């Protein structure tokens, strides 16, 4: 990271970081929003969940998905399939995807989120939501 040498540098740094935080802090209740919850318990983080979250943020911006709310959650109970991601489309039940790394993030965005097409890697759940 570059050194902050002036107030203008600090403001620019704040703007860049704020845009990354805004997409994660919208919270529940945003009308018509698509919710993406990434499991960030110890096993998720060890399996690459932080990178998965960063890729979701980057790729959703590239895809123009302004109604995507990306948050983190604790353990989803599927340690064997980490990193795991729960996606809830408006009016639909949440789906949990396992082994979500960069390529899978792109596939989830392009096929499931944008087109509603079911893809491989859905983990059956026995509860309502995380």
N, C-alpha and C. Protein backbone atom coordinates (compact mmCIF):
# COMPACT_ATOMS: atom_id res chain seq x y z
N UNK A 1 0.84 -1.17 0.00
CA UNK A 1 0.00 0.00 0.00
C UNK A 1 0.89 1.24 0.00
N UNK A 2 0.50 2.24 -0.77
CA UNK A 2 1.26 3.48 -0.87
C UNK A 2 1.15 4.29 0.41
N UNK A 3 2.17 5.09 0.65
CA UNK A 3 2.16 5.94 1.83
C UNK A 3 1.18 7.09 1.64
N UNK A 4 0.51 7.46 2.72
CA UNK A 4 -0.41 8.58 2.71
C UNK A 4 0.40 9.83 3.06
N UNK A 5 0.49 10.73 2.09
CA UNK A 5 1.32 11.92 2.28
C UNK A 5 0.52 13.20 2.44
N UNK A 6 -0.77 13.12 2.13
CA UNK A 6 -1.59 14.33 2.23
C UNK A 6 -3.03 13.97 2.58
N UNK A 7 -3.81 14.98 2.88
CA UNK A 7 -5.23 14.78 3.17
C UNK A 7 -5.95 14.23 1.93
N UNK A 8 -5.56 14.68 0.77
CA UNK A 8 -6.16 14.19 -0.48
C UNK A 8 -5.89 12.70 -0.66
N UNK A 9 -4.68 12.26 -0.34
CA UNK A 9 -4.35 10.83 -0.41
C UNK A 9 -5.23 10.02 0.53
N UNK A 10 -5.42 10.55 1.73
CA UNK A 10 -6.24 9.88 2.73
C UNK A 10 -7.69 9.79 2.28
N UNK A 11 -8.22 10.86 1.70
CA UNK A 11 -9.61 10.86 1.21
C UNK A 11 -9.78 9.87 0.06
N UNK A 12 -8.80 9.80 -0.82
CA UNK A 12 -8.87 8.86 -1.94
C UNK A 12 -8.85 7.42 -1.43
N UNK A 13 -7.99 7.15 -0.46
CA UNK A 13 -7.92 5.82 0.14
C UNK A 13 -9.25 5.47 0.80
N UNK A 14 -9.85 6.42 1.50
CA UNK A 14 -11.14 6.19 2.15
C UNK A 14 -12.22 5.85 1.13
N UNK A 15 -12.27 6.59 0.03
CA UNK A 15 -13.28 6.34 -1.01
C UNK A 15 -13.13 4.94 -1.59
N UNK A 16 -11.90 4.54 -1.88
CA UNK A 16 -11.67 3.20 -2.43
C UNK A 16 -12.10 2.11 -1.48
N UNK A 17 -11.75 2.24 -0.20
CA UNK A 17 -12.12 1.23 0.78
C UNK A 17 -13.61 1.26 1.08
N UNK A 18 -14.21 2.46 1.10
CA UNK A 18 -15.63 2.58 1.40
C UNK A 18 -16.49 1.86 0.37
N UNK A 19 -16.09 1.92 -0.90
CA UNK A 19 -16.87 1.25 -1.94
C UNK A 19 -16.88 -0.26 -1.73
N UNK A 20 -15.76 -0.80 -1.21
CA UNK A 20 -15.71 -2.23 -0.93
C UNK A 20 -16.55 -2.59 0.28
N UNK A 21 -16.61 -1.71 1.26
CA UNK A 21 -17.37 -1.98 2.48
C UNK A 21 -18.86 -1.80 2.24
N UNK A 22 -19.26 -0.82 1.44
CA UNK A 22 -20.67 -0.54 1.20
C UNK A 22 -21.43 -1.76 0.72
N UNK A 23 -20.82 -2.51 -0.18
CA UNK A 23 -21.51 -3.67 -0.75
C UNK A 23 -21.74 -4.75 0.29
N UNK A 24 -20.96 -4.76 1.40
CA UNK A 24 -21.11 -5.76 2.44
C UNK A 24 -21.99 -5.30 3.58
N UNK A 25 -22.22 -3.99 3.72
CA UNK A 25 -22.91 -3.48 4.89
C UNK A 25 -24.35 -3.05 4.64
N UNK A 26 -24.93 -3.37 3.52
CA UNK A 26 -26.30 -2.98 3.25
C UNK A 26 -27.26 -3.66 4.20
N UNK A 27 -26.93 -4.89 4.58
CA UNK A 27 -27.75 -5.60 5.55
C UNK A 27 -29.02 -6.19 4.97
N UNK A 28 -29.82 -6.77 5.86
CA UNK A 28 -31.08 -7.39 5.46
C UNK A 28 -32.13 -6.33 5.14
N UNK A 29 -33.11 -6.70 4.36
CA UNK A 29 -34.25 -5.84 4.13
C UNK A 29 -34.15 -4.91 2.95
N UNK A 30 -33.14 -5.03 2.13
CA UNK A 30 -33.05 -4.21 0.94
C UNK A 30 -33.98 -4.84 -0.10
N UNK A 31 -34.98 -4.07 -0.52
CA UNK A 31 -36.00 -4.60 -1.41
C UNK A 31 -35.42 -5.07 -2.75
N UNK A 32 -35.77 -6.29 -3.15
CA UNK A 32 -35.30 -6.85 -4.41
C UNK A 32 -33.84 -7.25 -4.42
N UNK A 33 -33.23 -7.30 -3.25
CA UNK A 33 -31.80 -7.61 -3.19
C UNK A 33 -31.55 -9.11 -3.31
N UNK A 34 -30.38 -9.42 -3.80
CA UNK A 34 -29.88 -10.79 -3.84
C UNK A 34 -28.86 -10.89 -2.72
N UNK A 35 -29.03 -11.86 -1.83
CA UNK A 35 -28.14 -11.99 -0.68
C UNK A 35 -27.14 -13.12 -0.92
N UNK A 36 -25.89 -12.81 -0.68
CA UNK A 36 -24.82 -13.80 -0.76
C UNK A 36 -24.13 -13.81 0.60
N UNK A 37 -24.20 -14.97 1.28
CA UNK A 37 -23.57 -15.11 2.59
C UNK A 37 -22.43 -16.11 2.46
N UNK A 38 -21.25 -15.67 2.85
CA UNK A 38 -20.06 -16.51 2.73
C UNK A 38 -19.65 -16.97 4.12
N UNK A 39 -19.53 -18.30 4.30
CA UNK A 39 -19.16 -18.87 5.59
C UNK A 39 -17.70 -18.52 5.90
N UNK A 40 -17.50 -17.79 7.01
CA UNK A 40 -16.16 -17.35 7.37
C UNK A 40 -15.76 -17.86 8.74
N UNK A 41 -16.13 -19.09 9.05
CA UNK A 41 -15.62 -19.72 10.27
C UNK A 41 -14.18 -20.15 9.98
N UNK A 42 -13.53 -20.72 10.96
CA UNK A 42 -12.13 -21.10 10.81
C UNK A 42 -11.89 -21.98 9.59
N UNK A 43 -12.73 -22.99 9.41
CA UNK A 43 -12.53 -23.90 8.28
C UNK A 43 -12.75 -23.20 6.94
N UNK A 44 -13.70 -22.28 6.89
CA UNK A 44 -13.94 -21.53 5.66
C UNK A 44 -12.77 -20.64 5.30
N UNK A 45 -12.27 -19.92 6.30
CA UNK A 45 -11.13 -19.03 6.07
C UNK A 45 -9.92 -19.84 5.62
N UNK A 46 -9.68 -20.98 6.28
CA UNK A 46 -8.55 -21.83 5.91
C UNK A 46 -8.68 -22.37 4.49
N UNK A 47 -9.90 -22.50 4.00
CA UNK A 47 -10.14 -23.04 2.66
C UNK A 47 -10.18 -21.97 1.58
N UNK A 48 -10.09 -20.70 1.98
CA UNK A 48 -10.05 -19.64 0.99
C UNK A 48 -11.29 -18.76 0.91
N UNK A 49 -12.10 -18.71 1.97
CA UNK A 49 -13.33 -17.92 1.94
C UNK A 49 -13.09 -16.42 1.79
N UNK A 50 -11.97 -15.93 2.31
CA UNK A 50 -11.69 -14.49 2.15
C UNK A 50 -11.50 -14.15 0.67
N UNK A 51 -10.75 -14.99 -0.03
CA UNK A 51 -10.57 -14.76 -1.46
C UNK A 51 -11.90 -14.89 -2.20
N UNK A 52 -12.71 -15.88 -1.79
CA UNK A 52 -14.03 -16.07 -2.40
C UNK A 52 -14.86 -14.80 -2.25
N UNK A 53 -14.84 -14.21 -1.07
CA UNK A 53 -15.60 -12.99 -0.84
C UNK A 53 -15.09 -11.85 -1.72
N UNK A 54 -13.78 -11.70 -1.80
CA UNK A 54 -13.21 -10.65 -2.64
C UNK A 54 -13.57 -10.84 -4.11
N UNK A 55 -13.56 -12.09 -4.57
CA UNK A 55 -13.91 -12.37 -5.97
C UNK A 55 -15.39 -12.07 -6.20
N UNK A 56 -16.27 -12.42 -5.25
CA UNK A 56 -17.69 -12.09 -5.37
C UNK A 56 -17.87 -10.58 -5.51
N UNK A 57 -17.18 -9.81 -4.69
CA UNK A 57 -17.30 -8.36 -4.74
C UNK A 57 -16.84 -7.83 -6.10
N UNK A 58 -15.68 -8.27 -6.56
CA UNK A 58 -15.13 -7.81 -7.84
C UNK A 58 -16.01 -8.21 -9.01
N UNK A 59 -16.39 -9.49 -9.06
CA UNK A 59 -17.15 -10.01 -10.20
C UNK A 59 -18.58 -9.45 -10.24
N UNK A 60 -19.18 -9.20 -9.08
CA UNK A 60 -20.53 -8.63 -9.07
C UNK A 60 -20.51 -7.20 -9.60
N UNK A 61 -19.44 -6.47 -9.31
CA UNK A 61 -19.30 -5.11 -9.86
C UNK A 61 -19.14 -5.18 -11.36
N UNK A 62 -18.28 -6.10 -11.85
CA UNK A 62 -18.07 -6.25 -13.29
C UNK A 62 -19.37 -6.60 -14.00
N UNK A 63 -20.21 -7.42 -13.33
CA UNK A 63 -21.47 -7.87 -13.93
C UNK A 63 -22.58 -6.83 -13.78
N UNK A 64 -22.30 -5.73 -13.06
CA UNK A 64 -23.30 -4.68 -12.88
C UNK A 64 -24.42 -5.05 -11.92
N UNK A 65 -24.13 -5.94 -10.99
CA UNK A 65 -25.15 -6.38 -10.02
C UNK A 65 -25.13 -5.46 -8.80
N UNK A 66 -25.83 -4.36 -8.89
CA UNK A 66 -25.86 -3.38 -7.81
C UNK A 66 -26.78 -3.78 -6.67
N UNK A 67 -27.63 -4.77 -6.91
CA UNK A 67 -28.58 -5.22 -5.88
C UNK A 67 -28.07 -6.45 -5.13
N UNK A 68 -26.79 -6.71 -5.22
CA UNK A 68 -26.19 -7.86 -4.54
C UNK A 68 -25.67 -7.41 -3.18
N UNK A 69 -26.12 -8.08 -2.12
CA UNK A 69 -25.66 -7.79 -0.77
C UNK A 69 -24.77 -8.95 -0.35
N UNK A 70 -23.49 -8.68 -0.18
CA UNK A 70 -22.51 -9.71 0.16
C UNK A 70 -22.12 -9.55 1.62
N UNK A 71 -22.36 -10.60 2.40
CA UNK A 71 -22.03 -10.56 3.82
C UNK A 71 -21.30 -11.84 4.20
N UNK A 72 -20.80 -11.86 5.41
CA UNK A 72 -20.17 -13.08 5.91
C UNK A 72 -21.02 -13.63 7.04
N UNK A 73 -20.87 -14.91 7.27
CA UNK A 73 -21.60 -15.58 8.33
C UNK A 73 -20.65 -16.60 8.98
N UNK A 74 -21.12 -17.22 10.02
CA UNK A 74 -20.32 -18.24 10.69
C UNK A 74 -20.43 -19.57 9.98
N UNK A 75 -20.20 -20.62 10.73
CA UNK A 75 -20.19 -21.97 10.19
C UNK A 75 -21.56 -22.37 9.64
N UNK A 76 -21.57 -22.98 8.47
CA UNK A 76 -22.80 -23.50 7.88
C UNK A 76 -22.92 -25.00 8.09
N UNK A 77 -21.90 -25.60 8.71
CA UNK A 77 -21.96 -27.03 9.01
C UNK A 77 -21.56 -27.93 7.85
N UNK A 78 -20.94 -27.38 6.84
CA UNK A 78 -20.53 -28.18 5.69
C UNK A 78 -19.02 -28.04 5.49
N UNK A 79 -18.28 -28.35 6.53
CA UNK A 79 -16.82 -28.17 6.52
C UNK A 79 -16.15 -28.93 5.37
N UNK A 80 -16.73 -30.04 4.99
CA UNK A 80 -16.16 -30.85 3.92
C UNK A 80 -16.25 -30.16 2.56
N UNK A 81 -17.05 -29.10 2.46
CA UNK A 81 -17.27 -28.43 1.18
C UNK A 81 -16.87 -26.96 1.19
N UNK A 82 -16.01 -26.58 2.12
CA UNK A 82 -15.62 -25.17 2.22
C UNK A 82 -14.77 -24.76 1.03
N UNK A 83 -14.80 -23.51 0.64
CA UNK A 83 -15.67 -22.45 1.13
C UNK A 83 -17.11 -22.64 0.65
N UNK A 84 -18.05 -22.36 1.56
CA UNK A 84 -19.47 -22.48 1.24
C UNK A 84 -20.11 -21.11 1.16
N UNK A 85 -21.11 -21.00 0.27
CA UNK A 85 -21.79 -19.73 0.02
C UNK A 85 -23.28 -19.98 -0.07
N UNK A 86 -24.06 -19.18 0.66
CA UNK A 86 -25.52 -19.24 0.56
C UNK A 86 -25.98 -18.09 -0.32
N UNK A 87 -26.79 -18.40 -1.34
CA UNK A 87 -27.32 -17.38 -2.24
C UNK A 87 -28.84 -17.41 -2.15
N UNK A 88 -29.42 -16.23 -1.91
CA UNK A 88 -30.88 -16.11 -1.83
C UNK A 88 -31.34 -15.10 -2.87
N UNK A 89 -32.05 -15.61 -3.89
CA UNK A 89 -32.64 -14.74 -4.90
C UNK A 89 -33.99 -14.26 -4.39
N UNK A 90 -34.45 -13.07 -4.80
CA UNK A 90 -35.74 -12.56 -4.33
C UNK A 90 -36.87 -13.55 -4.60
N UNK A 91 -37.63 -13.84 -3.55
CA UNK A 91 -38.78 -14.73 -3.67
C UNK A 91 -38.45 -16.21 -3.75
N UNK A 92 -37.19 -16.59 -3.57
CA UNK A 92 -36.80 -17.99 -3.66
C UNK A 92 -36.15 -18.44 -2.36
N UNK A 93 -36.13 -19.74 -2.16
CA UNK A 93 -35.45 -20.32 -1.00
C UNK A 93 -33.94 -20.21 -1.19
N UNK A 94 -33.20 -20.08 -0.10
CA UNK A 94 -31.74 -20.00 -0.24
C UNK A 94 -31.13 -21.32 -0.69
N UNK A 95 -30.05 -21.23 -1.46
CA UNK A 95 -29.29 -22.40 -1.87
C UNK A 95 -27.87 -22.24 -1.35
N UNK A 96 -27.28 -23.35 -0.92
CA UNK A 96 -25.89 -23.32 -0.45
C UNK A 96 -25.04 -24.07 -1.47
N UNK A 97 -23.99 -23.40 -1.90
CA UNK A 97 -23.04 -23.97 -2.85
C UNK A 97 -21.75 -24.29 -2.12
N UNK A 98 -21.14 -25.42 -2.47
CA UNK A 98 -19.89 -25.84 -1.85
C UNK A 98 -18.71 -25.73 -2.80
N UNK A 99 -17.51 -25.73 -2.21
CA UNK A 99 -16.26 -25.64 -2.97
C UNK A 99 -16.25 -24.43 -3.90
N UNK A 100 -16.61 -23.27 -3.35
CA UNK A 100 -16.74 -22.06 -4.16
C UNK A 100 -15.42 -21.29 -4.17
N UNK A 101 -14.69 -21.49 -5.26
CA UNK A 101 -13.47 -20.74 -5.51
C UNK A 101 -13.72 -19.85 -6.72
N UNK A 102 -12.70 -19.18 -7.22
CA UNK A 102 -12.87 -18.16 -8.25
C UNK A 102 -13.75 -18.59 -9.43
N UNK A 103 -13.45 -19.73 -10.02
CA UNK A 103 -14.20 -20.18 -11.20
C UNK A 103 -15.66 -20.43 -10.86
N UNK A 104 -15.89 -20.97 -9.66
CA UNK A 104 -17.27 -21.25 -9.22
C UNK A 104 -18.03 -19.95 -8.96
N UNK A 105 -17.34 -18.93 -8.45
CA UNK A 105 -17.99 -17.64 -8.22
C UNK A 105 -18.52 -17.11 -9.54
N UNK A 106 -17.69 -17.14 -10.56
CA UNK A 106 -18.10 -16.64 -11.87
C UNK A 106 -19.26 -17.45 -12.41
N UNK A 107 -19.22 -18.77 -12.24
CA UNK A 107 -20.31 -19.63 -12.70
C UNK A 107 -21.61 -19.34 -11.93
N UNK A 108 -21.52 -19.15 -10.63
CA UNK A 108 -22.70 -18.85 -9.82
C UNK A 108 -23.32 -17.52 -10.26
N UNK A 109 -22.48 -16.52 -10.48
CA UNK A 109 -23.00 -15.22 -10.91
C UNK A 109 -23.65 -15.31 -12.29
N UNK A 110 -22.92 -15.89 -13.25
CA UNK A 110 -23.41 -15.93 -14.63
C UNK A 110 -24.62 -16.84 -14.82
N UNK A 111 -24.57 -18.02 -14.23
CA UNK A 111 -25.65 -18.99 -14.48
C UNK A 111 -26.79 -18.88 -13.47
N UNK A 112 -26.49 -18.89 -12.18
CA UNK A 112 -27.57 -18.92 -11.19
C UNK A 112 -28.13 -17.54 -10.89
N UNK A 113 -27.28 -16.59 -10.54
CA UNK A 113 -27.78 -15.28 -10.13
C UNK A 113 -28.40 -14.52 -11.31
N UNK A 114 -27.73 -14.50 -12.44
CA UNK A 114 -28.23 -13.74 -13.59
C UNK A 114 -29.35 -14.46 -14.35
N UNK A 115 -29.27 -15.81 -14.44
CA UNK A 115 -30.21 -16.54 -15.29
C UNK A 115 -31.12 -17.52 -14.55
N UNK A 116 -30.89 -17.71 -13.24
CA UNK A 116 -31.73 -18.63 -12.47
C UNK A 116 -31.50 -20.09 -12.78
N UNK A 117 -30.42 -20.41 -13.47
CA UNK A 117 -30.11 -21.79 -13.87
C UNK A 117 -29.42 -22.52 -12.73
N UNK A 118 -29.94 -23.69 -12.36
CA UNK A 118 -29.31 -24.48 -11.30
C UNK A 118 -28.03 -25.10 -11.84
N UNK A 119 -27.03 -25.15 -10.97
CA UNK A 119 -25.73 -25.68 -11.36
C UNK A 119 -25.29 -26.74 -10.36
N UNK A 120 -24.24 -27.47 -10.71
CA UNK A 120 -23.69 -28.50 -9.83
C UNK A 120 -23.12 -27.87 -8.56
N UNK A 121 -23.09 -28.65 -7.49
CA UNK A 121 -22.44 -28.21 -6.26
C UNK A 121 -23.36 -27.65 -5.20
N UNK A 122 -24.68 -27.85 -5.36
CA UNK A 122 -25.62 -27.38 -4.34
C UNK A 122 -25.60 -28.37 -3.19
N UNK A 123 -25.49 -27.87 -1.97
CA UNK A 123 -25.48 -28.70 -0.78
C UNK A 123 -26.89 -28.74 -0.21
N UNK A 124 -27.46 -29.93 -0.03
CA UNK A 124 -28.80 -30.00 0.56
C UNK A 124 -28.78 -29.46 1.99
N UNK A 125 -29.80 -28.71 2.34
CA UNK A 125 -29.88 -28.13 3.68
C UNK A 125 -31.13 -28.64 4.40
N UNK A 126 -31.06 -28.67 5.72
CA UNK A 126 -32.20 -29.13 6.49
C UNK A 126 -32.67 -28.05 7.47
N UNK A 127 -32.39 -26.79 7.13
CA UNK A 127 -32.84 -25.66 7.92
C UNK A 127 -33.22 -24.55 6.96
N UNK A 128 -33.87 -23.52 7.49
CA UNK A 128 -34.42 -22.44 6.64
C UNK A 128 -33.34 -21.54 6.05
N UNK A 129 -32.48 -20.97 6.88
CA UNK A 129 -31.44 -20.06 6.41
C UNK A 129 -30.35 -19.98 7.46
N UNK A 130 -29.22 -19.43 7.07
CA UNK A 130 -28.10 -19.31 7.97
C UNK A 130 -28.34 -18.11 8.88
